C-alpha cells in the first residue's frame, strides 16, 4: 500500500491524557485511521533523516529485533539497522 499525501485527511500528534509518550494518528480520507506509538514514529523519522541527509545512501532497512542486552530504560523490542 502506498499512501499519497492526498489520501490523508489529517494527522494528529499528541500525548494522550495519562500517557508520557507521543502517539500520532493518521486519519485517511475514507475515514480509516492508523495510530503509531512514539517509538514507531521515531524509527520512521530516523530512517527518513538518515536517507535524506546522507550524500550517497539511498536505502536503509530497520528490522524488528528482541534484544537480550540493552541500555537501561530501553525496550526489549527494537528496530535496528541490519
Protein backbone atom coordinates (compact mmCIF):
# COMPACT_ATOMS: atom_id res chain seq x y z
CA UNK A 1 0.00 0.00 0.00
CA UNK A 2 1.31 3.42 -0.92
CA UNK A 3 -0.15 6.37 0.96
CA UNK A 4 -0.25 9.58 -1.06
CA UNK A 5 -0.45 12.99 0.56
CA UNK A 6 -3.97 13.45 -0.85
CA UNK A 7 -5.07 10.21 0.86
CA UNK A 8 -4.60 11.87 4.25
CA UNK A 9 -7.35 13.97 5.79
CA UNK A 10 -5.39 14.91 8.91
CA UNK A 11 -2.52 13.95 11.17
CA UNK A 12 -2.85 14.34 14.92
CA UNK A 13 0.25 14.10 17.13
CA UNK A 14 -0.46 14.23 20.85
CA UNK A 15 0.40 12.94 24.25
CA UNK A 16 -2.86 11.35 25.39
CA UNK A 17 -4.08 12.10 28.88
CA UNK A 18 -2.45 9.75 31.38
CA UNK A 19 0.40 8.86 29.00
CA UNK A 20 4.00 10.03 28.66
CA UNK A 21 4.72 9.33 25.00
CA UNK A 22 3.54 10.86 21.74
CA UNK A 23 1.03 9.00 19.63
CA UNK A 24 0.49 10.01 16.03
CA UNK A 25 -2.79 9.26 14.31
CA UNK A 26 -3.14 9.47 10.56
CA UNK A 27 -6.78 9.88 9.51
CA UNK A 28 -7.43 8.92 5.91
CA UNK A 29 -9.97 10.44 3.52
CA UNK A 30 -12.02 7.21 3.63
CA UNK A 31 -12.46 7.55 7.43
CA UNK A 32 -9.98 4.84 8.40
CA UNK A 33 -7.16 5.74 10.73
CA UNK A 34 -3.82 4.41 11.88
CA UNK A 35 -2.13 5.29 15.17
CA UNK A 36 1.61 4.95 15.62
CA UNK A 37 3.28 4.84 19.00
CA UNK A 38 6.22 7.16 19.66
CA UNK A 39 8.88 4.51 19.09
CA UNK A 40 7.46 3.62 15.66
CA UNK A 41 7.35 7.29 14.62
CA UNK A 42 10.87 7.86 15.95
CA UNK A 43 12.14 4.97 13.81
CA UNK A 44 10.36 6.31 10.71
CA UNK A 45 11.87 9.74 11.29
CA UNK A 46 15.32 8.24 11.95
CA UNK A 47 15.19 6.28 8.70
CA UNK A 48 13.91 9.28 6.74
CA UNK A 49 16.58 11.64 8.07
CA UNK A 50 19.30 9.05 7.51
CA UNK A 51 18.43 8.77 3.81
CA UNK A 52 17.55 12.42 3.22
CA UNK A 53 20.75 13.82 4.74
CA UNK A 54 23.29 11.22 3.60
CA UNK A 55 25.21 12.25 0.48
CA UNK A 56 25.13 8.78 -1.16
CA UNK A 57 22.84 6.49 0.77
CA UNK A 58 19.53 5.69 -0.90
CA UNK A 59 18.20 2.91 1.35
CA UNK A 60 18.06 1.84 4.97
CA UNK A 61 16.43 -1.23 6.43
CA UNK A 62 15.39 -1.43 10.07
CA UNK A 63 14.43 -4.88 11.31
CA UNK A 64 12.46 -5.71 14.43
CA UNK A 65 14.67 -7.49 16.92
CA UNK A 66 14.28 -8.64 20.50
CA UNK A 67 17.42 -7.51 22.32
CA UNK A 68 18.77 -9.62 25.16
CA UNK A 69 21.27 -6.93 26.17
CA UNK A 70 20.22 -3.28 26.07
CA UNK A 71 20.75 0.05 27.78
CA UNK A 72 18.76 0.80 30.92
CA UNK A 73 15.33 2.18 30.10
CA UNK A 74 15.30 0.84 26.54
CA UNK A 75 12.57 -1.51 25.36
CA UNK A 76 13.37 -5.14 24.67
CA UNK A 77 11.89 -4.88 21.13
CA UNK A 78 13.83 -2.53 18.88
CA UNK A 79 14.04 -1.71 15.19
CA UNK A 80 17.74 -1.93 14.36
CA UNK A 81 19.67 -1.40 11.17
CA UNK A 82 20.80 -4.62 9.58
